[in-house]
Amino acid sequence: MPDEEIRMKLNESQISLREELMGRLSIEGFGLRKREISVMTRMSADIVEILDALVELEIFKSRSEAVAAFVEKVISARRSLFDEIRAQAAEIRQKRETAKMLAIRAIQATQHED
């Protein structure tokens, strides 16, 4: 097989892989949302190699974009579960704040008694 033919087949497979990945991720708008908050994370070398390959193939513009798209995809796939987790976390924060206020009042009350 001549080099040009091999290159064309590689380009076709890259394009189809990109279309498949982007199709799956963009169907629901993954990778298209505005992102305002930066999150740093450490990842294993093998995962970073995969992210770099996706960037090299121009499926994503950056590692960050790839990670964000995959995280959004995972969370959206189990949205009701994560919404419940968020609601319970909010309840825990509220109870923690209430407990802190009660503790502060108790401490202040004992200081005034001394």
C-alpha atoms as a PDB file:
ATOM      1  CA  MET A   1       0.000   0.000   0.000  1.00  0.00           C
ATOM      2  CA  PRO A   2       1.540   3.365  -0.985  1.00  0.00           C
ATOM      3  CA  ASP A   3       2.248   5.942   1.724  1.00  0.00           C
ATOM      4  CA  GLU A   4      -0.430   8.316   0.402  1.00  0.00           C
ATOM      5  CA  GLU A   5      -3.084   5.606   0.627  1.00  0.00           C
ATOM      6  CA  ILE A   6      -2.044   4.761   4.198  1.00  0.00           C
ATOM      7  CA  ARG A   7      -2.209   8.447   5.139  1.00  0.00           C
ATOM      8  CA  MET A   8      -5.688   8.750   3.641  1.00  0.00           C
ATOM      9  CA  LYS A   9      -6.910   5.699   5.557  1.00  0.00           C
ATOM     10  CA  LEU A  10      -5.420   7.092   8.786  1.00  0.00           C
ATOM     11  CA  ASN A  11      -7.059  10.456   8.141  1.00  0.00           C
ATOM     12  CA  GLU A  12     -10.389   8.752   7.485  1.00  0.00           C
ATOM     13  CA  SER A  13     -10.119   6.714  10.695  1.00  0.00           C
ATOM     14  CA  GLN A  14      -9.145   9.837  12.664  1.00  0.00           C
ATOM     15  CA  ILE A  15     -12.067  11.731  11.209  1.00  0.00           C
ATOM     16  CA  SER A  16     -14.510   8.920  11.940  1.00  0.00           C
ATOM     17  CA  LEU A  17     -13.157   8.556  15.500  1.00  0.00           C
ATOM     18  CA  ARG A  18     -13.444  12.307  16.009  1.00  0.00           C
ATOM     19  CA  GLU A  19     -16.971  12.351  14.598  1.00  0.00           C
ATOM     20  CA  GLU A  20     -17.964   9.408  16.780  1.00  0.00           C
ATOM     21  CA  LEU A  21     -16.540  10.946  19.942  1.00  0.00           C
ATOM     22  CA  MET A  22     -17.772  14.448  19.211  1.00  0.00           C
ATOM     23  CA  GLY A  23     -21.153  13.086  18.162  1.00  0.00           C
ATOM     24  CA  ARG A  24     -21.538  11.253  21.426  1.00  0.00           C
ATOM     25  CA  LEU A  25     -20.278  14.165  23.474  1.00  0.00           C
ATOM     26  CA  SER A  26     -21.949  16.987  21.599  1.00  0.00           C
ATOM     27  CA  ILE A  27     -25.393  15.407  21.238  1.00  0.00           C
ATOM     28  CA  GLU A  28     -26.243  16.786  24.642  1.00  0.00           C
ATOM     29  CA  GLY A  29     -23.978  19.814  24.410  1.00  0.00           C
ATOM     30  CA  PHE A  30     -20.949  18.356  26.145  1.00  0.00           C
ATOM     31  CA  GLY A  31     -17.893  20.445  25.565  1.00  0.00           C
ATOM     32  CA  LEU A  32     -20.038  23.386  24.472  1.00  0.00           C
ATOM     33  CA  ARG A  33     -21.016  24.839  27.832  1.00  0.00           C
ATOM     34  CA  LYS A  34     -19.359  27.956  29.184  1.00  0.00           C
ATOM     35  CA  ARG A  35     -16.878  27.068  31.871  1.00  0.00           C
ATOM     36  CA  GLU A  36     -16.128  29.660  34.516  1.00  0.00           C
ATOM     37  CA  ILE A  37     -14.388  27.655  37.233  1.00  0.00           C
ATOM     38  CA  SER A  38     -10.963  26.091  36.920  1.00  0.00           C
ATOM     39  CA  VAL A  39     -10.273  22.791  38.690  1.00  0.00           C
ATOM     40  CA  MET A  40      -6.819  21.290  38.963  1.00  0.00           C
ATOM     41  CA  THR A  41      -6.345  17.550  39.256  1.00  0.00           C
ATOM     42  CA  ARG A  42      -3.632  14.947  39.123  1.00  0.00           C
ATOM     43  CA  MET A  43      -4.060  12.005  36.798  1.00  0.00           C
ATOM     44  CA  SER A  44      -2.126   8.866  35.988  1.00  0.00           C
ATOM     45  CA  ALA A  45       0.295   8.947  33.081  1.00  0.00           C
ATOM     46  CA  ASP A  46      -1.746   6.479  31.028  1.00  0.00           C
ATOM     47  CA  ILE A  47      -4.883   8.643  31.264  1.00  0.00           C
ATOM     48  CA  VAL A  48      -2.890  11.750  30.305  1.00  0.00           C
ATOM     49  CA  GLU A  49      -1.497   9.883  27.301  1.00  0.00           C
ATOM     50  CA  ILE A  50      -5.064   9.172  26.160  1.00  0.00           C
ATOM     51  CA  LEU A  51      -6.051  12.805  26.683  1.00  0.00           C
ATOM     52  CA  ASP A  52      -2.981  13.921  24.726  1.00  0.00           C
ATOM     53  CA  ALA A  53      -3.918  11.560  21.884  1.00  0.00           C
ATOM     54  CA  LEU A  54      -7.417  13.054  21.749  1.00  0.00           C
ATOM     55  CA  VAL A  55      -5.891  16.544  21.622  1.00  0.00           C
ATOM     56  CA  GLU A  56      -3.343  15.476  19.004  1.00  0.00           C
ATOM     57  CA  LEU A  57      -6.175  14.137  16.839  1.00  0.00           C
ATOM     58  CA  GLU A  58      -7.940  17.495  17.324  1.00  0.00           C
ATOM     59  CA  ILE A  59     -10.944  15.812  18.894  1.00  0.00           C
ATOM     60  CA  PHE A  60     -10.538  18.264  21.765  1.00  0.00           C
ATOM     61  CA  LYS A  61      -8.672  21.563  21.896  1.00  0.00           C
ATOM     62  CA  SER A  62      -6.983  20.775  25.200  1.00  0.00           C
ATOM     63  CA  ARG A  63      -6.672  18.236  27.988  1.00  0.00           C
ATOM     64  CA  SER A  64      -8.890  20.468  30.065  1.00  0.00           C
ATOM     65  CA  GLU A  65     -11.648  20.460  27.455  1.00  0.00           C
ATOM     66  CA  ALA A  66     -11.477  16.661  27.170  1.00  0.00           C
ATOM     67  CA  VAL A  67     -11.642  16.106  30.930  1.00  0.00           C
ATOM     68  CA  ALA A  68     -14.504  18.575  31.306  1.00  0.00           C
ATOM     69  CA  ALA A  69     -16.480  16.888  28.520  1.00  0.00           C
ATOM     70  CA  PHE A  70     -16.036  13.428  30.032  1.00  0.00           C
ATOM     71  CA  VAL A  71     -16.909  14.573  33.561  1.00  0.00           C
ATOM     72  CA  GLU A  72     -20.039  16.320  32.272  1.00  0.00           C
ATOM     73  CA  LYS A  73     -20.981  13.178  30.356  1.00  0.00           C
ATOM     74  CA  VAL A  74     -20.623  10.925  33.411  1.00  0.00           C
ATOM     75  CA  ILE A  75     -22.559  13.234  35.723  1.00  0.00           C
ATOM     76  CA  SER A  76     -25.316  13.869  33.189  1.00  0.00           C
ATOM     77  CA  ALA A  77     -25.754  10.138  32.640  1.00  0.00           C
ATOM     78  CA  ARG A  78     -26.720   9.795  36.343  1.00  0.00           C
ATOM     79  CA  ARG A  79     -28.157  13.274  36.822  1.00  0.00           C
ATOM     80  CA  SER A  80     -30.924  12.340  39.275  1.00  0.00           C
ATOM     81  CA  LEU A  81     -28.433  10.577  41.540  1.00  0.00           C
ATOM     82  CA  PHE A  82     -26.057  13.550  41.521  1.00  0.00           C
ATOM     83  CA  ASP A  83     -28.951  15.977  42.099  1.00  0.00           C
ATOM     84  CA  GLU A  84     -29.867  13.964  45.210  1.00  0.00           C
ATOM     85  CA  ILE A  85     -26.232  14.027  46.364  1.00  0.00           C
ATOM     86  CA  ARG A  86     -26.173  17.812  45.898  1.00  0.00           C
ATOM     87  CA  ALA A  87     -29.419  18.204  47.874  1.00  0.00           C
ATOM     88  CA  GLN A  88     -28.127  16.072  50.732  1.00  0.00           C
ATOM     89  CA  ALA A  89     -24.841  17.989  50.787  1.00  0.00           C
ATOM     90  CA  ALA A  90     -26.826  21.250  51.073  1.00  0.00           C
ATOM     91  CA  GLU A  91     -28.780  19.806  54.010  1.00  0.00           C
ATOM     92  CA  ILE A  92     -25.543  18.762  55.699  1.00  0.00           C
ATOM     93  CA  ARG A  93     -24.087  22.275  55.220  1.00  0.00           C
ATOM     94  CA  GLN A  94     -27.220  23.798  56.755  1.00  0.00           C
ATOM     95  CA  LYS A  95     -27.136  21.439  59.753  1.00  0.00           C
ATOM     96  CA  ARG A  96     -23.414  22.133  60.227  1.00  0.00           C
ATOM     97  CA  GLU A  97     -24.042  25.902  60.259  1.00  0.00           C
ATOM     98  CA  THR A  98     -26.912  25.496  62.711  1.00  0.00           C
ATOM     99  CA  ALA A  99     -24.741  23.342  64.982  1.00  0.00           C
ATOM    100  CA  LYS A 100     -21.929  25.937  64.849  1.00  0.00           C
ATOM    101  CA  MET A 101     -24.320  28.730  65.818  1.00  0.00           C
ATOM    102  CA  LEU A 102     -25.657  26.664  68.723  1.00  0.00           C
ATOM    103  CA  ALA A 103     -22.124  25.875  69.882  1.00  0.00           C
ATOM    104  CA  ILE A 104     -21.131  29.561  69.730  1.00  0.00           C
ATOM    105  CA  ARG A 105     -24.224  30.540  71.748  1.00  0.00           C
ATOM    106  CA  ALA A 106     -23.448  27.859  74.340  1.00  0.00           C
ATOM    107  CA  ILE A 107     -19.841  29.013  74.626  1.00  0.00           C
ATOM    108  CA  GLN A 108     -20.870  32.676  74.889  1.00  0.00           C
ATOM    109  CA  ALA A 109     -23.490  31.826  77.514  1.00  0.00           C
ATOM    110  CA  THR A 110     -20.947  30.025  79.698  1.00  0.00           C
ATOM    111  CA  GLN A 111     -18.478  32.931  79.359  1.00  0.00           C
ATOM    112  CA  HIS A 112     -21.116  35.384  80.618  1.00  0.00           C
ATOM    113  CA  GLU A 113     -21.812  33.159  83.631  1.00  0.00           C
ATOM    114  CA  ASP A 114     -18.158  33.286  84.753  1.00  0.00           C
END
